[in-house]
N, C-alpha and C. Protein backbone atom coordinates (compact mmCIF):
# COMPACT_ATOMS: atom_id res chain seq x y z
N PHE A 1 -41.63 -19.39 54.10
CA PHE A 1 -42.44 -18.98 52.97
C PHE A 1 -41.98 -19.74 51.74
N GLY A 2 -40.74 -19.51 51.36
CA GLY A 2 -40.13 -20.23 50.24
C GLY A 2 -41.06 -20.41 49.07
N ASN A 3 -41.16 -21.61 48.59
CA ASN A 3 -42.02 -21.89 47.46
C ASN A 3 -43.36 -22.46 47.90
N SER A 4 -43.75 -22.20 49.13
CA SER A 4 -45.10 -22.56 49.55
C SER A 4 -46.10 -21.80 48.67
N ILE A 5 -45.72 -20.60 48.31
CA ILE A 5 -46.47 -19.81 47.33
C ILE A 5 -45.48 -19.51 46.21
N SER A 6 -45.74 -20.03 45.01
CA SER A 6 -44.84 -19.84 43.88
C SER A 6 -45.52 -19.02 42.80
N THR A 7 -44.71 -18.49 41.92
CA THR A 7 -45.26 -17.65 40.86
C THR A 7 -45.33 -18.40 39.53
N ALA A 8 -46.31 -18.02 38.72
CA ALA A 8 -46.55 -18.66 37.42
C ALA A 8 -45.46 -18.31 36.41
N ASP A 9 -44.82 -17.17 36.59
CA ASP A 9 -43.81 -16.69 35.65
C ASP A 9 -42.62 -16.21 36.47
N ILE A 10 -41.41 -16.55 36.04
CA ILE A 10 -40.25 -16.15 36.83
C ILE A 10 -40.07 -14.64 36.88
N ALA A 11 -40.79 -13.92 36.05
CA ALA A 11 -40.75 -12.45 36.11
C ALA A 11 -41.22 -11.97 37.49
N ASP A 12 -42.05 -12.75 38.16
CA ASP A 12 -42.62 -12.38 39.45
C ASP A 12 -41.92 -13.04 40.64
N MET A 13 -40.70 -13.48 40.46
CA MET A 13 -40.00 -14.21 41.52
C MET A 13 -39.83 -13.41 42.81
N TRP A 14 -39.99 -12.10 42.75
CA TRP A 14 -39.86 -11.31 43.98
C TRP A 14 -40.84 -11.80 45.04
N VAL A 15 -41.97 -12.38 44.61
CA VAL A 15 -42.99 -12.81 45.57
C VAL A 15 -42.40 -13.83 46.53
N HIS A 16 -41.86 -14.93 46.01
CA HIS A 16 -41.32 -15.90 46.97
C HIS A 16 -39.95 -15.51 47.49
N GLU A 17 -39.13 -14.86 46.67
CA GLU A 17 -37.79 -14.50 47.14
C GLU A 17 -37.82 -13.32 48.12
N GLY A 18 -38.63 -12.31 47.85
CA GLY A 18 -38.73 -11.16 48.76
C GLY A 18 -39.33 -11.55 50.10
N PHE A 19 -40.40 -12.34 50.07
CA PHE A 19 -41.02 -12.77 51.32
C PHE A 19 -40.10 -13.72 52.09
N THR A 20 -39.37 -14.58 51.37
CA THR A 20 -38.45 -15.48 52.04
C THR A 20 -37.33 -14.69 52.71
N MET A 21 -36.77 -13.71 52.01
CA MET A 21 -35.74 -12.89 52.64
C MET A 21 -36.31 -12.11 53.82
N TYR A 22 -37.56 -11.66 53.69
CA TYR A 22 -38.16 -10.95 54.81
C TYR A 22 -38.35 -11.87 56.01
N SER A 23 -38.51 -13.17 55.77
CA SER A 23 -38.63 -14.10 56.90
C SER A 23 -37.34 -14.09 57.73
N GLU A 24 -36.20 -13.77 57.10
CA GLU A 24 -34.94 -13.62 57.85
C GLU A 24 -35.03 -12.43 58.80
N VAL A 25 -35.67 -11.36 58.34
CA VAL A 25 -35.87 -10.18 59.19
C VAL A 25 -36.75 -10.55 60.37
N LEU A 26 -37.84 -11.27 60.10
CA LEU A 26 -38.74 -11.69 61.18
C LEU A 26 -38.05 -12.63 62.17
N TYR A 27 -37.22 -13.52 61.65
CA TYR A 27 -36.48 -14.42 62.52
C TYR A 27 -35.52 -13.63 63.42
N THR A 28 -34.82 -12.67 62.81
CA THR A 28 -33.90 -11.82 63.58
C THR A 28 -34.67 -11.08 64.67
N GLU A 29 -35.86 -10.58 64.32
CA GLU A 29 -36.68 -9.88 65.31
C GLU A 29 -37.07 -10.81 66.46
N CYS A 30 -37.46 -12.04 66.13
CA CYS A 30 -37.85 -13.00 67.17
C CYS A 30 -36.67 -13.35 68.08
N GLN A 31 -35.50 -13.48 67.50
CA GLN A 31 -34.33 -13.89 68.27
C GLN A 31 -33.64 -12.76 69.01
N SER A 32 -33.61 -11.56 68.37
CA SER A 32 -32.77 -10.49 68.91
C SER A 32 -33.48 -9.16 69.11
N GLY A 33 -34.76 -9.08 68.75
CA GLY A 33 -35.51 -7.85 68.97
C GLY A 33 -35.67 -7.01 67.71
N LYS A 34 -36.58 -6.05 67.84
CA LYS A 34 -36.96 -5.21 66.70
C LYS A 34 -35.80 -4.35 66.18
N ASP A 35 -35.01 -3.79 67.09
CA ASP A 35 -33.88 -2.96 66.66
C ASP A 35 -32.88 -3.76 65.84
N ALA A 36 -32.60 -4.99 66.26
CA ALA A 36 -31.68 -5.85 65.51
C ALA A 36 -32.25 -6.19 64.14
N ALA A 37 -33.55 -6.41 64.07
CA ALA A 37 -34.19 -6.70 62.79
C ALA A 37 -34.09 -5.51 61.85
N GLU A 38 -34.33 -4.31 62.37
CA GLU A 38 -34.21 -3.10 61.55
C GLU A 38 -32.78 -2.94 61.04
N GLU A 39 -31.82 -3.19 61.91
CA GLU A 39 -30.41 -3.09 61.53
C GLU A 39 -30.07 -4.12 60.46
N TYR A 40 -30.61 -5.33 60.61
CA TYR A 40 -30.39 -6.38 59.62
C TYR A 40 -30.93 -5.95 58.26
N LEU A 41 -32.14 -5.38 58.25
CA LEU A 41 -32.75 -4.96 56.99
C LEU A 41 -31.98 -3.81 56.36
N VAL A 42 -31.47 -2.89 57.15
CA VAL A 42 -30.64 -1.81 56.61
C VAL A 42 -29.43 -2.42 55.90
N GLY A 43 -28.83 -3.44 56.49
CA GLY A 43 -27.71 -4.13 55.85
C GLY A 43 -28.12 -4.80 54.55
N VAL A 44 -29.31 -5.41 54.54
CA VAL A 44 -29.83 -6.05 53.33
C VAL A 44 -30.02 -5.02 52.22
N ARG A 45 -30.51 -3.83 52.59
CA ARG A 45 -30.75 -2.77 51.60
C ARG A 45 -29.48 -2.33 50.89
N ASN A 46 -28.34 -2.48 51.55
CA ASN A 46 -27.08 -2.11 50.92
C ASN A 46 -26.80 -2.93 49.66
N ASN A 47 -27.50 -4.05 49.51
CA ASN A 47 -27.31 -4.91 48.34
C ASN A 47 -28.20 -4.54 47.16
N ILE A 48 -29.04 -3.52 47.31
CA ILE A 48 -29.92 -3.11 46.22
C ILE A 48 -29.11 -2.31 45.21
N SER A 49 -29.14 -2.75 43.96
CA SER A 49 -28.35 -2.07 42.92
C SER A 49 -29.22 -1.21 41.99
N ASN A 50 -30.53 -1.44 41.97
CA ASN A 50 -31.43 -0.71 41.06
C ASN A 50 -30.93 -0.76 39.62
N ASP A 51 -30.45 -1.93 39.22
CA ASP A 51 -29.94 -2.11 37.86
C ASP A 51 -31.05 -2.29 36.82
N ARG A 52 -32.15 -2.89 37.24
CA ARG A 52 -33.32 -3.05 36.38
C ARG A 52 -34.50 -3.36 37.29
N PRO A 53 -35.73 -3.27 36.78
CA PRO A 53 -36.90 -3.50 37.64
C PRO A 53 -36.90 -4.88 38.28
N VAL A 54 -37.49 -4.97 39.45
CA VAL A 54 -37.59 -6.23 40.18
C VAL A 54 -38.46 -7.22 39.42
N ILE A 55 -39.52 -6.73 38.79
CA ILE A 55 -40.39 -7.59 37.98
C ILE A 55 -39.84 -7.61 36.56
N GLY A 56 -39.60 -8.81 36.05
CA GLY A 56 -39.04 -8.96 34.71
C GLY A 56 -40.11 -8.92 33.63
N ALA A 57 -39.70 -9.25 32.42
CA ALA A 57 -40.61 -9.30 31.28
C ALA A 57 -41.38 -10.63 31.32
N TYR A 58 -42.67 -10.55 31.08
CA TYR A 58 -43.52 -11.73 31.15
C TYR A 58 -43.50 -12.55 29.87
N GLY A 59 -43.65 -13.87 30.06
CA GLY A 59 -43.86 -14.79 28.95
C GLY A 59 -42.61 -15.16 28.17
N ILE A 60 -41.44 -14.74 28.61
CA ILE A 60 -40.23 -15.05 27.84
C ILE A 60 -39.11 -15.61 28.72
N ASN A 61 -39.46 -16.19 29.86
CA ASN A 61 -38.46 -16.76 30.76
C ASN A 61 -37.41 -15.72 31.14
N HIS A 62 -37.87 -14.56 31.62
CA HIS A 62 -36.99 -13.44 31.96
C HIS A 62 -37.26 -12.96 33.38
N GLU A 63 -36.38 -13.35 34.30
CA GLU A 63 -36.57 -12.90 35.67
C GLU A 63 -36.14 -11.44 35.80
N GLY A 64 -36.66 -10.81 36.82
CA GLY A 64 -36.29 -9.42 37.09
C GLY A 64 -34.91 -9.34 37.72
N SER A 65 -34.60 -8.19 38.23
CA SER A 65 -33.32 -7.93 38.86
C SER A 65 -33.08 -8.83 40.06
N GLY A 66 -31.83 -9.09 40.34
CA GLY A 66 -31.45 -9.79 41.56
C GLY A 66 -31.87 -9.02 42.80
N ASP A 67 -32.29 -7.76 42.61
CA ASP A 67 -32.83 -6.97 43.70
C ASP A 67 -34.12 -7.57 44.24
N MET A 68 -34.65 -8.61 43.56
CA MET A 68 -35.88 -9.24 44.03
C MET A 68 -35.74 -9.69 45.48
N TYR A 69 -34.53 -10.00 45.90
CA TYR A 69 -34.30 -10.44 47.28
C TYR A 69 -34.31 -9.25 48.25
N PRO A 70 -33.30 -8.36 48.17
CA PRO A 70 -33.28 -7.27 49.16
C PRO A 70 -34.37 -6.22 48.96
N LYS A 71 -34.67 -5.88 47.71
CA LYS A 71 -35.69 -4.86 47.47
C LYS A 71 -37.07 -5.44 47.73
N GLY A 72 -37.27 -6.72 47.37
CA GLY A 72 -38.53 -7.38 47.67
C GLY A 72 -38.78 -7.41 49.17
N ALA A 73 -37.75 -7.76 49.97
CA ALA A 73 -37.89 -7.76 51.42
C ALA A 73 -38.17 -6.36 51.94
N SER A 74 -37.54 -5.37 51.34
CA SER A 74 -37.76 -3.98 51.77
C SER A 74 -39.18 -3.52 51.45
N VAL A 75 -39.72 -3.94 50.32
CA VAL A 75 -41.10 -3.61 49.97
C VAL A 75 -42.05 -4.23 51.00
N VAL A 76 -41.81 -5.49 51.33
CA VAL A 76 -42.66 -6.15 52.32
C VAL A 76 -42.58 -5.39 53.66
N HIS A 77 -41.39 -4.95 54.02
CA HIS A 77 -41.22 -4.20 55.28
C HIS A 77 -41.94 -2.85 55.22
N MET A 78 -41.89 -2.19 54.06
CA MET A 78 -42.62 -0.92 53.93
C MET A 78 -44.12 -1.16 54.11
N VAL A 79 -44.62 -2.24 53.53
CA VAL A 79 -46.04 -2.57 53.70
C VAL A 79 -46.35 -2.79 55.18
N ARG A 80 -45.45 -3.47 55.89
CA ARG A 80 -45.64 -3.67 57.32
C ARG A 80 -45.76 -2.34 58.06
N HIS A 81 -44.87 -1.40 57.74
CA HIS A 81 -44.92 -0.10 58.41
C HIS A 81 -46.17 0.69 58.05
N ILE A 82 -46.61 0.56 56.82
CA ILE A 82 -47.84 1.25 56.40
C ILE A 82 -49.05 0.68 57.12
N MET A 83 -49.12 -0.65 57.20
CA MET A 83 -50.28 -1.31 57.79
C MET A 83 -50.27 -1.31 59.31
N GLY A 84 -49.10 -1.44 59.90
CA GLY A 84 -48.99 -1.67 61.34
C GLY A 84 -48.77 -3.15 61.60
N ASP A 85 -48.16 -3.47 62.73
CA ASP A 85 -47.77 -4.85 63.01
C ASP A 85 -48.92 -5.85 63.04
N ALA A 86 -49.96 -5.55 63.78
CA ALA A 86 -51.06 -6.53 63.92
C ALA A 86 -51.76 -6.81 62.60
N PRO A 87 -52.18 -5.78 61.84
CA PRO A 87 -52.80 -6.07 60.55
C PRO A 87 -51.85 -6.76 59.57
N PHE A 88 -50.56 -6.41 59.64
CA PHE A 88 -49.58 -7.04 58.75
C PHE A 88 -49.46 -8.53 59.05
N LYS A 89 -49.35 -8.87 60.32
CA LYS A 89 -49.23 -10.29 60.70
C LYS A 89 -50.50 -11.05 60.33
N ALA A 90 -51.65 -10.43 60.52
CA ALA A 90 -52.91 -11.06 60.11
C ALA A 90 -52.93 -11.27 58.60
N MET A 91 -52.41 -10.29 57.85
CA MET A 91 -52.35 -10.40 56.39
C MET A 91 -51.46 -11.57 55.98
N LEU A 92 -50.30 -11.70 56.63
CA LEU A 92 -49.39 -12.81 56.29
C LEU A 92 -50.05 -14.16 56.54
N LEU A 93 -50.74 -14.29 57.67
CA LEU A 93 -51.42 -15.56 57.98
C LEU A 93 -52.52 -15.85 56.97
N GLU A 94 -53.29 -14.83 56.61
CA GLU A 94 -54.36 -15.01 55.64
C GLU A 94 -53.79 -15.31 54.25
N MET A 95 -52.69 -14.66 53.90
CA MET A 95 -52.05 -14.92 52.60
C MET A 95 -51.59 -16.38 52.53
N GLN A 96 -50.98 -16.86 53.60
CA GLN A 96 -50.53 -18.24 53.63
C GLN A 96 -51.72 -19.19 53.55
N ARG A 97 -52.79 -18.88 54.27
CA ARG A 97 -53.97 -19.74 54.24
C ARG A 97 -54.60 -19.76 52.85
N LYS A 98 -54.71 -18.59 52.25
CA LYS A 98 -55.41 -18.46 50.97
C LYS A 98 -54.60 -19.01 49.79
N TYR A 99 -53.28 -18.79 49.80
CA TYR A 99 -52.47 -19.11 48.63
C TYR A 99 -51.51 -20.27 48.83
N ARG A 100 -51.53 -20.92 49.98
CA ARG A 100 -50.61 -22.01 50.28
C ARG A 100 -50.63 -23.07 49.19
N HIS A 101 -49.45 -23.44 48.74
CA HIS A 101 -49.24 -24.46 47.71
C HIS A 101 -49.94 -24.12 46.40
N GLN A 102 -50.03 -22.83 46.10
CA GLN A 102 -50.63 -22.40 44.84
C GLN A 102 -49.62 -21.65 43.99
N ILE A 103 -49.97 -21.53 42.75
CA ILE A 103 -49.17 -20.74 41.81
C ILE A 103 -49.92 -19.43 41.59
N VAL A 104 -49.23 -18.32 41.78
CA VAL A 104 -49.85 -17.00 41.75
C VAL A 104 -49.08 -16.07 40.82
N THR A 105 -49.61 -14.87 40.69
CA THR A 105 -48.90 -13.80 39.98
C THR A 105 -48.63 -12.68 40.97
N SER A 106 -47.70 -11.83 40.61
CA SER A 106 -47.44 -10.64 41.43
C SER A 106 -48.71 -9.82 41.54
N ALA A 107 -49.44 -9.69 40.44
CA ALA A 107 -50.67 -8.89 40.45
C ALA A 107 -51.66 -9.42 41.49
N GLU A 108 -51.78 -10.74 41.62
CA GLU A 108 -52.69 -11.32 42.62
C GLU A 108 -52.23 -10.98 44.04
N ILE A 109 -50.94 -11.13 44.30
CA ILE A 109 -50.41 -10.87 45.64
C ILE A 109 -50.49 -9.38 45.95
N GLU A 110 -50.17 -8.54 44.98
CA GLU A 110 -50.28 -7.09 45.19
C GLU A 110 -51.73 -6.70 45.50
N ALA A 111 -52.68 -7.24 44.74
CA ALA A 111 -54.10 -6.93 44.98
C ALA A 111 -54.54 -7.42 46.35
N PHE A 112 -54.07 -8.61 46.73
CA PHE A 112 -54.42 -9.14 48.05
C PHE A 112 -53.88 -8.23 49.15
N MET A 113 -52.61 -7.86 49.06
CA MET A 113 -52.00 -7.00 50.08
C MET A 113 -52.71 -5.65 50.11
N ASP A 114 -53.03 -5.12 48.94
CA ASP A 114 -53.73 -3.84 48.86
C ASP A 114 -55.10 -3.93 49.53
N SER A 115 -55.78 -5.07 49.35
CA SER A 115 -57.12 -5.23 49.94
C SER A 115 -57.06 -5.32 51.46
N CYS A 116 -55.91 -5.68 52.01
CA CYS A 116 -55.75 -5.79 53.46
C CYS A 116 -55.30 -4.47 54.09
N SER A 117 -55.00 -3.50 53.27
CA SER A 117 -54.46 -2.23 53.76
C SER A 117 -55.49 -1.11 53.68
N ALA A 118 -55.44 -0.21 54.64
CA ALA A 118 -56.32 0.97 54.60
C ALA A 118 -55.80 1.99 53.60
N GLU A 119 -54.54 1.87 53.20
CA GLU A 119 -53.95 2.79 52.23
C GLU A 119 -53.77 2.09 50.88
N ASP A 120 -53.79 2.85 49.82
CA ASP A 120 -53.60 2.33 48.47
C ASP A 120 -52.12 1.99 48.29
N LEU A 121 -51.82 0.71 48.13
CA LEU A 121 -50.44 0.26 47.99
C LEU A 121 -49.97 0.19 46.54
N ARG A 122 -50.89 0.36 45.60
CA ARG A 122 -50.51 0.21 44.19
C ARG A 122 -49.38 1.14 43.76
N PRO A 123 -49.40 2.42 44.13
CA PRO A 123 -48.28 3.29 43.73
C PRO A 123 -46.94 2.83 44.33
N LEU A 124 -46.96 2.29 45.53
CA LEU A 124 -45.75 1.78 46.14
C LEU A 124 -45.20 0.61 45.33
N PHE A 125 -46.08 -0.33 44.95
CA PHE A 125 -45.64 -1.48 44.16
C PHE A 125 -45.10 -1.02 42.80
N ASP A 126 -45.79 -0.09 42.17
CA ASP A 126 -45.31 0.40 40.87
C ASP A 126 -43.93 1.04 41.01
N GLN A 127 -43.76 1.83 42.06
CA GLN A 127 -42.50 2.54 42.26
C GLN A 127 -41.34 1.59 42.51
N TYR A 128 -41.53 0.64 43.39
CA TYR A 128 -40.40 -0.17 43.84
C TYR A 128 -40.25 -1.51 43.11
N LEU A 129 -41.29 -1.99 42.45
CA LEU A 129 -41.17 -3.26 41.74
C LEU A 129 -41.01 -3.10 40.23
N ARG A 130 -41.52 -2.00 39.69
CA ARG A 130 -41.52 -1.81 38.24
C ARG A 130 -40.62 -0.66 37.78
N SER A 131 -39.98 0.00 38.70
CA SER A 131 -39.14 1.15 38.38
C SER A 131 -37.81 1.01 39.10
N ILE A 132 -36.78 1.63 38.56
CA ILE A 132 -35.49 1.63 39.24
C ILE A 132 -35.18 2.99 39.85
N ARG A 133 -36.07 3.94 39.65
CA ARG A 133 -35.84 5.28 40.19
C ARG A 133 -36.03 5.28 41.71
N VAL A 134 -35.18 5.98 42.40
CA VAL A 134 -35.27 6.10 43.85
C VAL A 134 -35.93 7.45 44.16
N PRO A 135 -37.08 7.44 44.81
CA PRO A 135 -37.77 8.70 45.12
C PRO A 135 -36.89 9.62 45.98
N VAL A 136 -36.99 10.89 45.68
CA VAL A 136 -36.25 11.91 46.44
C VAL A 136 -37.28 12.85 47.06
N LEU A 137 -37.18 13.05 48.37
CA LEU A 137 -38.07 13.98 49.06
C LEU A 137 -37.41 15.36 49.05
N GLU A 138 -38.05 16.29 48.36
CA GLU A 138 -37.59 17.68 48.35
C GLU A 138 -38.50 18.48 49.26
N TRP A 139 -37.91 19.35 50.06
CA TRP A 139 -38.73 20.13 50.97
C TRP A 139 -38.08 21.48 51.22
N GLY A 140 -38.91 22.38 51.71
CA GLY A 140 -38.44 23.71 52.04
C GLY A 140 -39.55 24.47 52.76
N VAL A 141 -39.27 25.71 53.07
CA VAL A 141 -40.25 26.56 53.74
C VAL A 141 -40.53 27.74 52.82
N LYS A 142 -41.82 27.97 52.57
CA LYS A 142 -42.25 29.08 51.73
C LYS A 142 -43.39 29.78 52.45
N ASP A 143 -43.25 31.07 52.65
CA ASP A 143 -44.26 31.85 53.37
C ASP A 143 -44.61 31.22 54.72
N LYS A 144 -43.56 30.79 55.43
CA LYS A 144 -43.69 30.17 56.75
C LYS A 144 -44.48 28.86 56.74
N GLN A 145 -44.59 28.25 55.57
CA GLN A 145 -45.28 26.96 55.42
C GLN A 145 -44.27 25.92 54.93
N LEU A 146 -44.34 24.73 55.52
CA LEU A 146 -43.53 23.62 55.05
C LEU A 146 -44.12 23.12 53.74
N VAL A 147 -43.30 23.04 52.72
CA VAL A 147 -43.74 22.49 51.44
C VAL A 147 -42.82 21.31 51.10
N ALA A 148 -43.41 20.27 50.54
CA ALA A 148 -42.62 19.08 50.22
C ALA A 148 -43.22 18.38 49.02
N ARG A 149 -42.37 17.64 48.33
CA ARG A 149 -42.83 16.84 47.19
C ARG A 149 -41.82 15.74 46.93
N TRP A 150 -42.32 14.70 46.29
CA TRP A 150 -41.45 13.61 45.83
C TRP A 150 -41.05 13.88 44.39
N THR A 151 -39.79 13.66 44.07
CA THR A 151 -39.32 13.73 42.69
C THR A 151 -38.64 12.40 42.36
N ASN A 152 -38.31 12.24 41.10
CA ASN A 152 -37.66 11.02 40.61
C ASN A 152 -38.51 9.79 40.91
N CYS A 153 -39.83 9.93 40.66
CA CYS A 153 -40.73 8.84 41.01
C CYS A 153 -41.91 8.77 40.04
N GLU A 154 -42.68 7.71 40.19
CA GLU A 154 -43.90 7.54 39.41
C GLU A 154 -44.86 8.69 39.72
N ALA A 155 -45.68 9.06 38.75
CA ALA A 155 -46.54 10.24 38.89
C ALA A 155 -47.47 10.18 40.09
N ASP A 156 -48.03 9.01 40.42
CA ASP A 156 -49.00 8.93 41.52
C ASP A 156 -48.38 8.45 42.83
N PHE A 157 -47.05 8.44 42.90
CA PHE A 157 -46.37 7.98 44.11
C PHE A 157 -46.59 8.95 45.27
N SER A 158 -46.92 8.40 46.43
CA SER A 158 -46.99 9.18 47.67
C SER A 158 -46.60 8.23 48.79
N MET A 159 -46.15 8.81 49.88
CA MET A 159 -45.76 7.99 51.01
C MET A 159 -45.91 8.81 52.28
N ARG A 160 -46.36 8.14 53.34
CA ARG A 160 -46.47 8.78 54.64
C ARG A 160 -45.06 9.03 55.17
N VAL A 161 -44.87 10.22 55.72
CA VAL A 161 -43.57 10.61 56.25
C VAL A 161 -43.78 11.10 57.68
N GLY A 162 -42.92 10.67 58.57
CA GLY A 162 -42.98 11.15 59.95
C GLY A 162 -42.13 12.40 60.10
N LEU A 163 -42.69 13.42 60.70
CA LEU A 163 -41.99 14.69 60.92
C LEU A 163 -42.02 15.03 62.40
N LEU A 164 -41.04 15.80 62.81
CA LEU A 164 -41.06 16.39 64.14
C LEU A 164 -41.25 17.89 63.96
N ILE A 165 -42.33 18.42 64.48
CA ILE A 165 -42.61 19.85 64.41
C ILE A 165 -42.70 20.36 65.84
N ASN A 166 -41.79 21.25 66.17
CA ASN A 166 -41.69 21.76 67.55
C ASN A 166 -41.58 20.61 68.55
N GLY A 167 -40.82 19.58 68.17
CA GLY A 167 -40.59 18.45 69.06
C GLY A 167 -41.71 17.44 69.11
N ARG A 168 -42.78 17.68 68.37
CA ARG A 168 -43.93 16.75 68.37
C ARG A 168 -43.95 15.95 67.07
N PRO A 169 -44.13 14.61 67.19
CA PRO A 169 -44.22 13.80 65.98
C PRO A 169 -45.54 14.07 65.23
N VAL A 170 -45.42 14.20 63.91
CA VAL A 170 -46.57 14.41 63.04
C VAL A 170 -46.37 13.49 61.83
N ALA A 171 -47.40 12.78 61.44
CA ALA A 171 -47.34 11.96 60.24
C ALA A 171 -48.15 12.65 59.15
N THR A 172 -47.58 12.69 57.98
CA THR A 172 -48.29 13.28 56.85
C THR A 172 -47.98 12.49 55.59
N THR A 173 -48.86 12.53 54.64
CA THR A 173 -48.62 11.86 53.37
C THR A 173 -48.22 12.90 52.34
N ILE A 174 -47.13 12.61 51.67
CA ILE A 174 -46.61 13.53 50.64
C ILE A 174 -46.64 12.79 49.32
């Protein structure tokens, strides 16, 4: 991926750096399998410091956090899990075809990825690229009903969560 697709402002460097780091995850998956790739990405996540937003200030030669590498790769991986493998791979191929050797913005790439997804990805991008807060899932049982909510996050943030209820997997969006 590298600079095959570059950004107009270094504030958006997560685009080429996050996707390039994610290519390491894909390479690991090709060489050693999906479990090894997941393990590799967990190790990469240990380098996320959440010191400042991944996207920097525009128009003043100000790059975002060094988290653009590990957090950018993690965002790409979250998109993969949201979309599913086949649509995600098709999206990557189309992104490369459409934007190859071009200069883009994060907004363009985010909109493109969002257009390829059945789910609204904008809250995910806002949460992980423009904020340093780490969402916390709070849950409990009230009147024999499972209740859950995200805290420490952007107001419109939601994410699909996999649950086991009576031993059966259930996916729900919180």
